[in-house]
N, C-alpha and C. Protein backbone atom coordinates (compact mmCIF):
# COMPACT_ATOMS: atom_id res chain seq x y z
N MET A 1 0.90 -1.16 0.33
CA MET A 1 -0.07 0.18 0.15
C MET A 1 0.88 1.36 -0.12
N LYS A 2 0.45 2.50 -0.34
CA LYS A 2 0.92 3.61 -0.52
C LYS A 2 0.30 4.39 0.80
N ILE A 3 1.17 4.52 1.88
CA ILE A 3 0.38 5.18 3.16
C ILE A 3 1.14 6.19 3.41
N VAL A 4 0.25 7.22 4.28
CA VAL A 4 0.71 8.51 4.84
C VAL A 4 0.47 8.38 6.21
N VAL A 5 1.57 8.72 7.04
CA VAL A 5 1.80 8.80 8.41
C VAL A 5 2.04 10.01 8.96
N ALA A 6 0.79 10.79 9.94
CA ALA A 6 1.15 12.00 10.49
C ALA A 6 1.55 11.58 11.93
N VAL A 7 2.59 11.75 12.31
CA VAL A 7 2.93 11.51 13.78
C VAL A 7 3.39 12.79 14.63
N GLY A 8 2.40 12.90 15.75
CA GLY A 8 2.71 14.26 16.51
C GLY A 8 3.68 14.72 17.26
N GLY A 9 4.11 15.80 17.38
CA GLY A 9 5.51 16.10 17.78
C GLY A 9 5.37 15.75 19.26
N SER A 10 4.56 15.74 20.08
CA SER A 10 4.35 15.30 21.31
C SER A 10 4.58 13.79 21.33
N ILE A 11 4.40 12.96 20.54
CA ILE A 11 4.65 11.54 20.61
C ILE A 11 6.08 11.35 20.77
N LEU A 12 6.94 12.09 19.51
CA LEU A 12 8.22 11.75 19.55
C LEU A 12 9.11 12.53 20.72
N LEU A 13 8.80 13.51 21.12
CA LEU A 13 9.61 14.32 22.02
C LEU A 13 8.89 14.31 23.38
N LYS A 14 8.00 13.43 23.64
CA LYS A 14 7.57 13.71 24.97
C LYS A 14 8.67 13.40 25.92
N GLU A 15 9.78 12.75 26.01
CA GLU A 15 10.68 12.26 26.85
C GLU A 15 11.76 13.32 26.23
N ASN A 16 11.79 13.74 25.35
CA ASN A 16 12.94 15.07 24.77
C ASN A 16 14.47 14.22 25.01
N THR A 17 14.26 13.08 24.25
CA THR A 17 15.49 12.06 24.04
C THR A 17 15.18 11.58 22.36
N HIS A 18 16.07 10.77 22.10
CA HIS A 18 16.42 10.07 20.81
C HIS A 18 15.45 8.67 20.63
N LYS A 19 15.11 8.40 22.02
CA LYS A 19 14.46 7.00 22.01
C LYS A 19 13.49 6.85 21.09
N ARG A 20 12.27 7.82 21.28
CA ARG A 20 11.21 7.51 20.65
C ARG A 20 11.48 7.67 18.98
N PHE A 21 12.35 8.33 18.81
CA PHE A 21 12.71 8.47 17.14
C PHE A 21 13.19 7.10 16.86
N THR A 22 14.14 6.65 17.58
CA THR A 22 14.77 5.29 17.11
C THR A 22 13.64 4.18 17.00
N GLU A 23 12.62 4.32 17.94
CA GLU A 23 11.70 3.28 18.03
C GLU A 23 10.80 3.29 17.00
N TYR A 24 10.50 4.40 16.35
CA TYR A 24 9.53 4.81 15.03
C TYR A 24 10.81 4.66 13.82
N GLY A 25 11.66 4.95 14.20
CA GLY A 25 12.58 4.65 13.01
C GLY A 25 12.80 3.06 12.72
N GLU A 26 13.05 2.06 13.51
CA GLU A 26 12.92 0.70 13.06
C GLU A 26 11.51 0.43 12.83
N ILE A 27 10.27 0.46 13.44
CA ILE A 27 8.95 0.44 12.69
C ILE A 27 9.05 0.61 11.38
N LEU A 28 9.19 2.08 10.87
CA LEU A 28 9.04 2.50 9.52
C LEU A 28 9.83 1.63 8.60
N LYS A 29 11.11 1.33 9.15
CA LYS A 29 12.15 0.68 8.01
C LYS A 29 11.49 -0.72 8.15
N SER A 30 10.85 -1.51 9.01
CA SER A 30 10.11 -2.55 8.46
C SER A 30 8.96 -2.67 7.68
N LEU A 31 8.32 -1.42 7.71
CA LEU A 31 7.08 -1.36 6.87
C LEU A 31 7.46 -0.95 5.43
N ALA A 32 8.69 -0.17 5.43
CA ALA A 32 9.16 -0.08 4.23
C ALA A 32 8.98 -1.03 3.17
N ASP A 33 9.63 -2.36 3.74
CA ASP A 33 9.75 -3.50 3.02
C ASP A 33 8.63 -3.82 1.75
N GLY A 34 7.49 -3.33 2.39
CA GLY A 34 6.47 -3.82 1.68
C GLY A 34 5.29 -2.78 1.43
N HIS A 35 5.75 -1.69 1.80
CA HIS A 35 5.14 -0.07 1.44
C HIS A 35 5.71 0.75 0.94
N GLU A 36 4.89 1.79 0.51
CA GLU A 36 5.59 3.20 0.34
C GLU A 36 5.02 3.83 1.27
N ILE A 37 6.01 4.58 2.12
CA ILE A 37 5.67 5.06 3.31
C ILE A 37 6.16 6.69 3.20
N PHE A 38 5.22 7.67 3.29
CA PHE A 38 5.26 9.14 3.61
C PHE A 38 5.25 9.38 5.13
N VAL A 39 5.90 10.39 5.69
CA VAL A 39 5.79 10.51 7.00
C VAL A 39 5.61 12.25 7.53
N ILE A 40 4.44 12.59 8.04
CA ILE A 40 4.65 13.98 8.32
C ILE A 40 4.73 14.47 9.83
N VAL A 41 5.60 15.00 10.14
CA VAL A 41 6.20 15.16 11.80
C VAL A 41 5.63 16.27 12.36
N GLY A 42 4.90 16.47 13.19
CA GLY A 42 4.54 17.43 13.99
C GLY A 42 5.69 18.47 14.99
N GLY A 43 5.35 19.36 15.38
CA GLY A 43 6.27 20.22 16.27
C GLY A 43 6.19 20.01 17.79
N GLY A 44 5.24 19.63 18.24
CA GLY A 44 5.04 19.39 19.78
C GLY A 44 5.42 20.60 20.50
N ARG A 45 6.03 20.18 21.63
CA ARG A 45 6.38 21.06 22.83
C ARG A 45 7.09 22.26 22.31
N PRO A 46 8.25 21.67 21.72
CA PRO A 46 9.23 23.13 21.36
C PRO A 46 8.64 23.83 20.18
N ALA A 47 7.59 23.45 19.42
CA ALA A 47 7.22 24.41 18.74
C ALA A 47 6.21 25.33 19.50
N ARG A 48 5.26 24.94 19.98
CA ARG A 48 4.41 25.83 21.24
C ARG A 48 5.40 27.11 21.82
N ASP A 49 6.38 26.36 22.28
CA ASP A 49 7.62 27.12 23.22
C ASP A 49 7.97 28.17 22.35
N TYR A 50 8.31 28.02 21.16
CA TYR A 50 8.88 28.82 19.99
C TYR A 50 7.82 30.35 19.81
N ILE A 51 6.88 29.35 19.44
CA ILE A 51 5.43 30.48 19.01
C ILE A 51 5.19 31.40 20.32
N ALA A 52 5.05 30.59 21.31
CA ALA A 52 4.79 31.60 22.59
C ALA A 52 5.65 32.92 22.66
N ILE A 53 6.97 32.68 22.24
CA ILE A 53 7.82 33.56 22.50
C ILE A 53 7.80 34.82 21.54
N ALA A 54 7.50 34.33 20.34
CA ALA A 54 7.29 34.77 19.01
C ALA A 54 5.82 35.83 19.09
N ARG A 55 5.06 35.14 19.77
CA ARG A 55 3.77 36.15 20.37
C ARG A 55 4.27 37.21 21.29
N ASP A 56 5.17 36.86 22.11
CA ASP A 56 5.29 37.96 23.19
C ASP A 56 6.29 39.29 22.42
N LEU A 57 6.55 38.81 21.52
CA LEU A 57 7.59 39.63 20.43
C LEU A 57 6.61 40.43 19.71
N ASP A 58 5.52 40.14 19.66
CA ASP A 58 4.30 41.11 18.86
C ASP A 58 4.59 40.32 17.16
N ALA A 59 4.76 39.30 17.13
CA ALA A 59 5.02 38.63 15.79
C ALA A 59 3.62 38.59 15.36
N GLY A 60 2.62 38.52 14.16
CA GLY A 60 1.68 38.31 13.81
C GLY A 60 1.60 36.73 13.48
N GLU A 61 0.30 36.06 13.48
CA GLU A 61 0.06 34.69 13.57
C GLU A 61 0.55 34.43 12.31
N ALA A 62 0.75 34.60 11.36
CA ALA A 62 1.30 34.04 10.09
C ALA A 62 2.90 33.77 10.20
N ILE A 63 3.64 34.55 11.05
CA ILE A 63 4.80 34.20 11.24
C ILE A 63 5.05 33.54 12.54
N CYS A 64 4.05 33.25 13.26
CA CYS A 64 4.19 32.31 14.32
C CYS A 64 3.89 30.92 13.60
N ASP A 65 3.31 30.90 12.71
CA ASP A 65 2.85 29.62 11.95
C ASP A 65 4.60 29.51 11.52
N ASP A 66 4.95 30.18 10.65
CA ASP A 66 6.11 29.81 9.86
C ASP A 66 7.08 29.51 11.27
N ILE A 67 7.53 29.55 12.12
CA ILE A 67 8.19 29.71 13.03
C ILE A 67 7.93 28.00 13.64
N GLY A 68 6.63 27.85 13.66
CA GLY A 68 6.13 26.70 14.02
C GLY A 68 6.89 25.40 12.99
N ILE A 69 6.48 26.08 11.72
CA ILE A 69 6.62 24.97 10.63
C ILE A 69 8.04 24.74 10.58
N GLU A 70 9.17 25.81 11.06
CA GLU A 70 10.37 25.32 10.75
C GLU A 70 10.96 24.13 11.93
N VAL A 71 10.24 24.05 13.13
CA VAL A 71 10.43 23.39 14.22
C VAL A 71 10.02 21.72 13.58
N THR A 72 8.92 21.97 12.77
CA THR A 72 8.26 20.70 12.57
C THR A 72 9.26 20.01 11.64
N ARG A 73 10.02 20.78 10.75
CA ARG A 73 11.23 20.29 9.93
C ARG A 73 12.53 19.97 10.45
N LEU A 74 13.02 20.46 11.50
CA LEU A 74 13.69 19.96 12.30
C LEU A 74 13.53 18.98 13.13
N ASN A 75 12.50 18.52 13.43
CA ASN A 75 11.82 16.98 13.68
C ASN A 75 11.89 16.03 12.80
N ALA A 76 11.58 16.48 11.84
CA ALA A 76 11.61 15.77 10.45
C ALA A 76 12.95 15.20 10.16
N ARG A 77 14.02 16.18 10.17
CA ARG A 77 15.45 15.89 10.11
C ARG A 77 15.69 14.89 11.24
N LEU A 78 15.27 14.96 12.49
CA LEU A 78 15.83 14.06 13.47
C LEU A 78 15.23 12.34 12.99
N LEU A 79 14.09 12.53 12.72
CA LEU A 79 13.55 11.18 12.17
C LEU A 79 14.25 10.48 11.15
N THR A 80 14.77 11.55 10.14
CA THR A 80 15.39 10.97 8.97
C THR A 80 16.94 10.37 9.28
N LEU A 81 17.25 11.17 10.37
CA LEU A 81 18.79 10.11 11.11
C LEU A 81 18.40 8.73 11.57
N ALA A 82 17.23 8.93 12.39
CA ALA A 82 16.70 7.47 12.87
C ALA A 82 16.72 6.37 11.69
N LEU A 83 16.11 7.02 10.80
CA LEU A 83 15.81 6.05 9.68
C LEU A 83 16.91 5.66 8.58
N GLY A 84 17.88 6.63 8.88
CA GLY A 84 19.27 6.33 8.00
C GLY A 84 19.07 6.31 6.15
N GLU A 85 19.56 5.11 5.92
CA GLU A 85 19.32 5.24 4.23
C GLU A 85 18.01 4.70 3.78
N PHE A 86 17.13 4.40 4.79
CA PHE A 86 15.64 4.34 4.38
C PHE A 86 15.02 5.61 4.25
N ALA A 87 15.66 6.43 4.41
CA ALA A 87 14.90 8.21 4.33
C ALA A 87 15.46 8.66 3.17
N TYR A 88 14.80 9.33 2.35
CA TYR A 88 15.30 10.38 1.59
C TYR A 88 15.84 11.46 2.25
N PRO A 89 17.05 11.98 1.76
CA PRO A 89 17.76 12.76 2.91
C PRO A 89 17.53 14.13 2.88
N LYS A 90 16.66 14.92 1.84
CA LYS A 90 16.02 15.93 1.75
C LYS A 90 14.78 16.15 2.49
N ILE A 91 14.36 17.05 3.23
CA ILE A 91 12.94 17.56 3.62
C ILE A 91 12.21 18.09 2.74
N PRO A 92 10.93 17.81 2.32
CA PRO A 92 10.30 18.39 0.99
C PRO A 92 9.58 19.67 1.63
N HIS A 93 9.37 20.63 1.13
CA HIS A 93 8.76 22.20 1.42
C HIS A 93 7.54 21.85 0.66
N ASN A 94 6.90 20.99 -0.11
CA ASN A 94 5.86 20.88 -0.41
C ASN A 94 5.43 19.55 -1.18
N PHE A 95 4.15 19.41 -1.49
CA PHE A 95 3.77 18.30 -1.98
C PHE A 95 4.20 17.69 -3.10
N GLN A 96 4.47 18.49 -4.28
CA GLN A 96 5.23 18.30 -5.03
C GLN A 96 6.53 17.80 -5.07
N GLU A 97 7.31 18.44 -4.26
CA GLU A 97 8.75 18.00 -3.85
C GLU A 97 8.44 16.78 -3.17
N ALA A 98 7.57 16.48 -2.37
CA ALA A 98 7.54 15.18 -1.63
C ALA A 98 7.02 14.11 -2.49
N ASN A 99 6.25 13.99 -3.52
CA ASN A 99 5.87 13.27 -4.36
C ASN A 99 7.08 13.04 -5.72
N GLU A 100 7.74 13.80 -5.88
CA GLU A 100 8.96 13.61 -6.59
C GLU A 100 9.95 12.92 -5.96
N PHE A 101 10.49 13.07 -4.58
CA PHE A 101 11.34 12.49 -3.94
C PHE A 101 11.25 11.02 -3.58
N SER A 102 9.49 10.68 -3.47
CA SER A 102 9.34 8.93 -3.51
C SER A 102 9.65 8.22 -4.55
N ALA A 103 10.04 8.99 -5.62
CA ALA A 103 10.32 8.42 -6.91
C ALA A 103 11.72 7.38 -6.61
N TYR A 104 12.44 7.77 -5.65
CA TYR A 104 13.83 7.27 -5.15
C TYR A 104 13.65 5.99 -4.57
N GLY A 105 12.38 5.76 -4.10
CA GLY A 105 12.11 4.33 -3.57
C GLY A 105 12.39 4.61 -2.01
N ARG A 106 12.59 5.77 -1.45
CA ARG A 106 12.68 5.90 0.19
C ARG A 106 12.17 6.50 0.84
N ILE A 107 11.41 6.33 2.11
CA ILE A 107 10.47 6.85 2.85
C ILE A 107 10.83 8.42 2.70
N VAL A 108 9.76 9.00 2.64
CA VAL A 108 9.81 10.50 2.36
C VAL A 108 9.49 11.33 4.03
N VAL A 109 10.24 12.16 4.44
CA VAL A 109 9.53 12.56 6.00
C VAL A 109 9.70 13.87 5.60
N MET A 110 8.38 14.48 5.90
CA MET A 110 8.24 16.17 5.93
C MET A 110 7.48 16.79 7.00
N GLY A 111 8.00 18.16 7.22
CA GLY A 111 6.98 18.80 8.24
C GLY A 111 5.62 19.52 8.05
N GLY A 112 5.41 20.69 8.17
CA GLY A 112 4.77 21.85 7.94
C GLY A 112 5.10 22.19 6.63
N THR A 113 3.99 22.85 5.90
CA THR A 113 4.39 23.42 4.75
C THR A 113 4.01 24.72 4.27
N GLU A 114 3.03 25.49 5.05
CA GLU A 114 2.62 26.73 4.84
C GLU A 114 1.61 27.02 6.37
N PRO A 115 1.63 28.82 6.59
CA PRO A 115 0.86 29.04 7.55
C PRO A 115 -0.51 28.42 7.22
N ALA A 116 -1.17 28.45 8.57
CA ALA A 116 -2.96 28.14 8.92
C ALA A 116 -3.21 26.50 8.64
N HIS A 117 -2.25 25.77 8.01
CA HIS A 117 -2.22 24.17 8.28
C HIS A 117 -1.79 23.35 9.30
N SER A 118 -2.33 22.90 9.68
CA SER A 118 -1.90 22.00 11.03
C SER A 118 -0.93 20.73 10.06
N THR A 119 -0.37 19.82 10.95
CA THR A 119 0.03 18.61 10.30
C THR A 119 -0.95 17.69 10.31
N ASP A 120 -1.94 17.82 10.83
CA ASP A 120 -3.29 16.98 10.63
C ASP A 120 -3.55 17.31 8.88
N ALA A 121 -3.70 18.38 8.52
CA ALA A 121 -4.00 18.86 7.36
C ALA A 121 -3.25 18.75 6.37
N VAL A 122 -1.68 18.76 6.65
CA VAL A 122 -0.78 18.77 5.73
C VAL A 122 -0.66 16.91 5.35
N GLY A 123 -0.97 16.08 6.37
CA GLY A 123 -0.84 14.77 6.34
C GLY A 123 -2.30 14.53 5.31
N ALA A 124 -3.21 15.02 5.50
CA ALA A 124 -4.42 14.50 4.71
C ALA A 124 -4.51 15.05 3.18
N ILE A 125 -3.78 16.18 2.98
CA ILE A 125 -3.59 16.98 1.96
C ILE A 125 -2.57 15.80 1.39
N LEU A 126 -1.48 15.39 1.34
CA LEU A 126 -0.29 14.79 0.99
C LEU A 126 -0.87 13.60 0.58
N ALA A 127 -1.72 13.02 1.43
CA ALA A 127 -2.60 11.58 1.17
C ALA A 127 -3.24 11.77 0.17
N GLU A 128 -4.03 13.26 -0.19
CA GLU A 128 -4.91 12.96 -1.57
C GLU A 128 -3.85 13.38 -2.73
N TYR A 129 -2.79 13.89 -2.44
CA TYR A 129 -1.94 14.46 -3.61
C TYR A 129 -1.20 12.88 -4.26
N VAL A 130 -0.65 12.18 -3.40
CA VAL A 130 -0.07 10.98 -3.88
C VAL A 130 -1.05 10.00 -4.13
N ASN A 131 -2.23 10.02 -3.92
CA ASN A 131 -3.45 9.01 -4.31
C ASN A 131 -2.99 7.84 -3.11
N ALA A 132 -2.93 8.46 -1.68
CA ALA A 132 -2.48 7.06 -0.93
C ALA A 132 -3.70 5.91 -0.66
N ASP A 133 -3.33 5.03 -0.32
CA ASP A 133 -4.50 4.02 0.15
C ASP A 133 -4.68 4.08 1.71
N LEU A 134 -4.08 4.86 2.34
CA LEU A 134 -4.45 4.87 4.06
C LEU A 134 -3.78 6.20 4.55
N PHE A 135 -4.33 6.54 5.52
CA PHE A 135 -3.59 7.76 6.17
C PHE A 135 -3.96 7.42 7.57
N VAL A 136 -2.74 7.31 8.46
CA VAL A 136 -2.86 7.00 9.96
C VAL A 136 -2.36 8.31 10.59
N ASN A 137 -3.28 8.64 11.53
CA ASN A 137 -2.75 9.80 12.50
C ASN A 137 -2.50 9.44 13.65
N LEU A 138 -1.06 9.55 14.18
CA LEU A 138 -0.73 8.93 15.48
C LEU A 138 -0.92 10.17 16.35
N THR A 139 -1.72 10.11 17.28
CA THR A 139 -1.85 10.96 18.26
C THR A 139 -1.66 10.63 19.74
N SER A 140 -2.00 11.97 20.87
CA SER A 140 -1.49 11.23 22.03
C SER A 140 -2.71 10.88 22.90
N VAL A 141 -3.85 10.63 22.05
CA VAL A 141 -4.89 9.96 22.81
C VAL A 141 -5.67 8.74 22.10
N ASP A 142 -6.65 7.92 22.56
CA ASP A 142 -6.65 6.47 21.92
C ASP A 142 -7.49 6.72 20.34
N GLY A 143 -8.16 7.54 20.19
CA GLY A 143 -8.97 8.18 19.12
C GLY A 143 -10.11 9.38 19.57
N MET A 144 -11.16 9.04 18.90
CA MET A 144 -12.17 9.98 19.08
C MET A 144 -13.23 9.67 20.08
N TYR A 145 -13.32 10.48 21.31
CA TYR A 145 -14.59 10.19 21.93
C TYR A 145 -15.72 10.85 22.26
N ASP A 146 -16.69 10.53 22.74
CA ASP A 146 -17.65 11.34 22.68
C ASP A 146 -17.85 12.84 23.70
N LYS A 147 -17.01 12.43 24.62
CA LYS A 147 -16.76 13.58 25.65
C LYS A 147 -15.27 13.58 26.33
N ASP A 148 -15.00 14.38 26.86
CA ASP A 148 -13.43 14.37 26.90
C ASP A 148 -12.98 13.35 28.19
N PRO A 149 -12.21 12.29 27.76
CA PRO A 149 -11.74 11.36 28.57
C PRO A 149 -11.16 11.78 29.68
N ASN A 150 -10.54 12.83 29.50
CA ASN A 150 -9.54 13.37 31.02
C ASN A 150 -10.63 13.85 31.98
N LYS A 151 -11.71 14.06 31.56
CA LYS A 151 -12.58 14.60 32.92
C LYS A 151 -13.99 13.82 32.96
N PHE A 152 -14.17 12.83 31.97
CA PHE A 152 -15.60 11.90 32.27
C PHE A 152 -15.04 10.68 32.11
N GLU A 153 -15.30 9.81 33.26
CA GLU A 153 -15.06 8.28 33.43
C GLU A 153 -15.61 7.69 32.32
N ASP A 154 -17.02 7.81 32.13
CA ASP A 154 -17.88 7.01 31.30
C ASP A 154 -17.68 7.67 30.13
N ALA A 155 -16.65 8.45 29.53
CA ALA A 155 -16.28 8.64 27.95
C ALA A 155 -16.09 7.43 27.11
N LYS A 156 -16.82 7.62 25.90
CA LYS A 156 -16.54 6.33 25.32
C LYS A 156 -15.94 6.70 24.11
N LEU A 157 -15.07 5.62 23.48
CA LEU A 157 -14.55 5.50 22.42
C LEU A 157 -15.44 5.64 21.24
N ILE A 158 -15.20 6.42 19.94
CA ILE A 158 -16.04 6.35 19.05
C ILE A 158 -15.18 5.36 17.97
N LYS A 159 -15.31 4.14 17.76
CA LYS A 159 -14.73 3.43 16.82
C LYS A 159 -14.59 3.63 15.41
N GLU A 160 -15.90 4.02 14.85
CA GLU A 160 -16.27 4.64 13.55
C GLU A 160 -17.13 5.66 13.51
N ILE A 161 -16.52 6.65 12.18
CA ILE A 161 -17.45 7.72 12.42
C ILE A 161 -17.23 8.11 10.76
N THR A 162 -18.19 8.79 10.10
CA THR A 162 -18.01 9.44 9.04
C THR A 162 -17.61 10.80 9.25
N ALA A 163 -16.93 11.06 8.15
CA ALA A 163 -16.41 12.62 7.68
C ALA A 163 -17.46 13.58 8.20
N ASP A 164 -18.60 13.41 7.72
CA ASP A 164 -19.54 14.43 7.95
C ASP A 164 -20.15 14.43 9.27
N ASP A 165 -20.25 13.26 10.09
CA ASP A 165 -20.51 13.16 11.40
C ASP A 165 -19.46 13.86 12.50
N MET A 166 -17.99 13.88 11.94
CA MET A 166 -16.86 14.09 12.64
C MET A 166 -16.85 15.72 12.74
N LEU A 167 -17.26 16.28 11.44
CA LEU A 167 -17.44 17.72 11.34
C LEU A 167 -18.57 18.62 12.18
N ASP A 168 -19.77 17.49 12.38
CA ASP A 168 -20.70 18.10 12.82
C ASP A 168 -20.46 18.10 14.57
N PHE A 169 -19.68 16.93 15.01
CA PHE A 169 -19.26 16.73 16.27
C PHE A 169 -18.25 17.98 16.92
N LEU A 170 -17.45 18.21 15.87
CA LEU A 170 -16.51 19.10 16.11
C LEU A 170 -16.72 20.76 15.97
N LYS A 171 -17.97 20.83 15.56
CA LYS A 171 -18.24 22.32 15.02
C LYS A 171 -18.40 23.19 16.08
N ASP A 172 -18.65 22.63 17.36
CA ASP A 172 -18.67 23.55 18.50
C ASP A 172 -17.83 23.54 19.58
N LYS A 173 -16.87 22.44 19.30
CA LYS A 173 -15.70 21.99 20.48
C LYS A 173 -14.37 23.25 20.32
N ASN A 174 -13.75 23.32 21.32
CA ASN A 174 -12.52 23.74 21.24
C ASN A 174 -11.49 23.04 20.29
N GLN A 175 -11.00 23.69 19.14
CA GLN A 175 -10.25 23.06 18.19
C GLN A 175 -8.85 23.36 18.19
N GLU A 176 -8.71 24.14 19.36
CA GLU A 176 -6.93 24.55 19.86
C GLU A 176 -6.15 23.58 19.53
N ALA A 177 -4.81 23.60 19.24
CA ALA A 177 -4.29 22.47 19.33
C ALA A 177 -3.82 22.12 21.06
N GLY A 178 -3.58 20.83 21.15
CA GLY A 178 -3.37 20.33 22.77
C GLY A 178 -4.62 20.02 23.27
N THR A 179 -5.95 20.37 22.72
CA THR A 179 -7.05 19.95 23.36
C THR A 179 -7.61 18.51 22.55
N TYR A 180 -8.10 17.44 23.42
CA TYR A 180 -8.30 16.45 23.07
C TYR A 180 -9.19 16.13 21.67
N GLU A 181 -9.99 17.09 21.49
CA GLU A 181 -11.11 17.14 20.55
C GLU A 181 -10.30 17.44 19.07
N PHE A 182 -9.13 17.96 19.46
CA PHE A 182 -8.54 18.76 18.24
C PHE A 182 -8.16 17.45 17.21
N PHE A 183 -8.98 17.83 15.69
CA PHE A 183 -8.55 17.18 14.46
C PHE A 183 -8.79 18.27 13.30
N ASP A 184 -7.83 18.57 13.08
CA ASP A 184 -7.89 19.95 11.95
C ASP A 184 -9.26 19.87 10.96
N THR A 185 -9.97 20.76 11.03
CA THR A 185 -11.32 20.51 10.11
C THR A 185 -11.00 20.35 8.55
N THR A 186 -9.94 21.30 8.28
CA THR A 186 -9.37 21.15 6.95
C THR A 186 -9.01 19.63 6.57
N ALA A 187 -8.50 19.09 7.45
CA ALA A 187 -8.02 17.52 7.07
C ALA A 187 -9.47 16.47 7.24
N ILE A 188 -10.03 16.79 7.74
CA ILE A 188 -11.62 16.34 7.65
C ILE A 188 -12.29 16.25 6.56
N HIS A 189 -12.38 17.56 6.13
CA HIS A 189 -12.77 17.73 4.48
C HIS A 189 -11.74 17.14 3.30
N MET A 190 -10.82 17.14 3.59
CA MET A 190 -9.90 16.39 2.65
C MET A 190 -10.08 14.99 2.48
N ILE A 191 -10.14 14.22 3.79
CA ILE A 191 -10.63 13.24 3.98
C ILE A 191 -12.12 12.85 3.28
N LYS A 192 -13.09 13.72 3.40
CA LYS A 192 -14.20 13.35 3.07
C LYS A 192 -14.32 13.39 1.47
N ARG A 193 -13.69 14.55 0.55
CA ARG A 193 -13.80 14.57 -0.80
C ARG A 193 -12.77 13.41 -1.56
N SER A 194 -11.97 12.99 -0.43
CA SER A 194 -11.06 12.14 -1.19
C SER A 194 -11.42 10.78 -1.08
N LYS A 195 -12.50 10.46 -0.11
CA LYS A 195 -12.87 9.16 0.29
C LYS A 195 -11.53 8.50 0.85
N LEU A 196 -10.79 9.24 1.99
CA LEU A 196 -9.51 8.33 1.88
C LEU A 196 -9.70 7.89 3.46
N LYS A 197 -9.35 6.46 3.43
CA LYS A 197 -9.27 5.81 4.43
C LYS A 197 -8.31 6.00 5.48
N THR A 198 -9.12 6.41 6.97
CA THR A 198 -8.09 7.37 7.81
C THR A 198 -8.31 6.22 9.05
N VAL A 199 -7.38 6.30 9.82
CA VAL A 199 -7.27 6.04 11.33
C VAL A 199 -6.75 6.63 12.11
N ILE A 200 -7.37 7.04 13.15
CA ILE A 200 -6.51 8.03 14.15
C ILE A 200 -6.18 7.05 15.30
N VAL A 201 -5.13 6.81 16.01
CA VAL A 201 -4.57 5.76 16.99
C VAL A 201 -3.65 6.68 18.18
N ASN A 202 -3.47 6.02 19.05
CA ASN A 202 -2.86 6.51 20.04
C ASN A 202 -1.15 6.48 19.72
N GLY A 203 -0.70 7.13 19.05
CA GLY A 203 0.76 7.02 18.95
C GLY A 203 2.03 6.56 20.33
N PHE A 204 1.64 6.77 21.38
CA PHE A 204 2.49 6.46 22.48
C PHE A 204 2.74 5.07 22.39
N ASP A 205 1.69 4.09 21.80
CA ASP A 205 2.32 2.76 21.71
C ASP A 205 2.39 2.70 20.32
N SER A 206 3.82 2.56 19.87
CA SER A 206 4.03 2.42 18.25
C SER A 206 3.64 1.41 17.52
N LYS A 207 3.30 0.23 18.22
CA LYS A 207 2.48 -1.08 17.66
C LYS A 207 1.30 -0.72 17.10
N ASN A 208 0.71 0.19 17.65
CA ASN A 208 -0.46 0.62 16.96
C ASN A 208 -0.72 1.25 15.31
N LEU A 209 0.42 1.55 15.05
CA LEU A 209 0.98 2.04 13.74
C LEU A 209 0.77 0.47 12.95
N ILE A 210 1.22 -0.38 13.50
CA ILE A 210 1.30 -1.71 12.64
C ILE A 210 -0.45 -2.29 12.68
N LYS A 211 -0.70 -2.25 13.76
CA LYS A 211 -2.19 -2.65 13.90
C LYS A 211 -3.27 -1.59 12.96
N ALA A 212 -2.93 -0.40 12.85
CA ALA A 212 -3.77 0.21 12.01
C ALA A 212 -3.69 -0.05 10.44
N ILE A 213 -2.58 -0.43 9.95
CA ILE A 213 -1.71 -0.53 8.93
C ILE A 213 -2.90 -2.27 8.62
N ASN A 214 -2.68 -3.18 9.56
CA ASN A 214 -3.05 -4.32 9.46
C ASN A 214 -4.93 -4.34 9.78
N ASP A 215 -5.58 -3.23 9.69
CA ASP A 215 -6.79 -3.20 9.86
C ASP A 215 -7.32 -3.97 11.05
N GLU A 216 -6.70 -3.96 11.93
CA GLU A 216 -7.12 -4.42 13.22
C GLU A 216 -8.17 -3.59 14.26
N ASN A 217 -8.76 -3.87 15.15
CA ASN A 217 -9.55 -2.89 15.67
C ASN A 217 -9.01 -2.16 16.75
N VAL A 218 -8.44 -0.98 16.32
CA VAL A 218 -7.96 0.10 17.47
C VAL A 218 -8.20 1.39 16.81
N GLY A 219 -8.43 2.34 17.59
CA GLY A 219 -8.29 3.74 17.42
C GLY A 219 -9.72 4.08 16.90
N THR A 220 -9.70 5.03 16.11
CA THR A 220 -10.96 5.46 15.27
C THR A 220 -10.94 5.35 14.09
N LYS A 221 -11.72 5.09 13.34
CA LYS A 221 -11.76 4.91 11.74
C LYS A 221 -12.66 5.66 11.10
N ILE A 222 -12.44 6.92 10.37
CA ILE A 222 -13.27 7.54 9.56
C ILE A 222 -13.38 6.70 8.30
N ILE A 223 -15.12 6.57 7.99
CA ILE A 223 -15.42 5.97 7.26
C ILE A 223 -16.29 6.57 5.92
N ASN A 224 -16.32 6.02 5.15
CA ASN A 224 -17.26 6.64 4.06
C ASN A 224 -18.50 6.36 4.57
């Protein structure tokens, strides 16, 4: 399959060490033997810290976004180091470059692309651009819940949901980065229009990536 994987910066940088990069590097290398892999890496806490400083310096939101994008690209470079010769050595700045780099038969790793696009959106747009078979979003929660699982013990994991229902569910929610409900609406619209098979899973357990690819019962599936 042709697979696009979006991994949150909070997943890779939670411990602020190389360990998570190495762990995912090994899994991605094992998957590359039978699949064509693209990876989008988020910014995580470092991006939020730099953006906060930029805002304190009265930077506009577009400049703040640019700073966050640069951090995602640094994180992408770290993952290419973990992948070694399995990764294309250059970080794409746009979707055309990502598609061109994939012709070399290596894993393509990228960060953000332009202001106002989260890495969720970048992953979904890239998946449409390269006509991917599967989009896997590795996040910090087990999937989408009917209410905040951090506040409600009876919160239930939604195993399957359509893109339309997901948009309707999120319309009145807090969609700022870092909140449990957050999944970029631009990403959902892209998933809807391209009928993209999508799975949202907890990335703190790296084996969930393999489970999602094997179509096992894990996380939340966005269905047509």
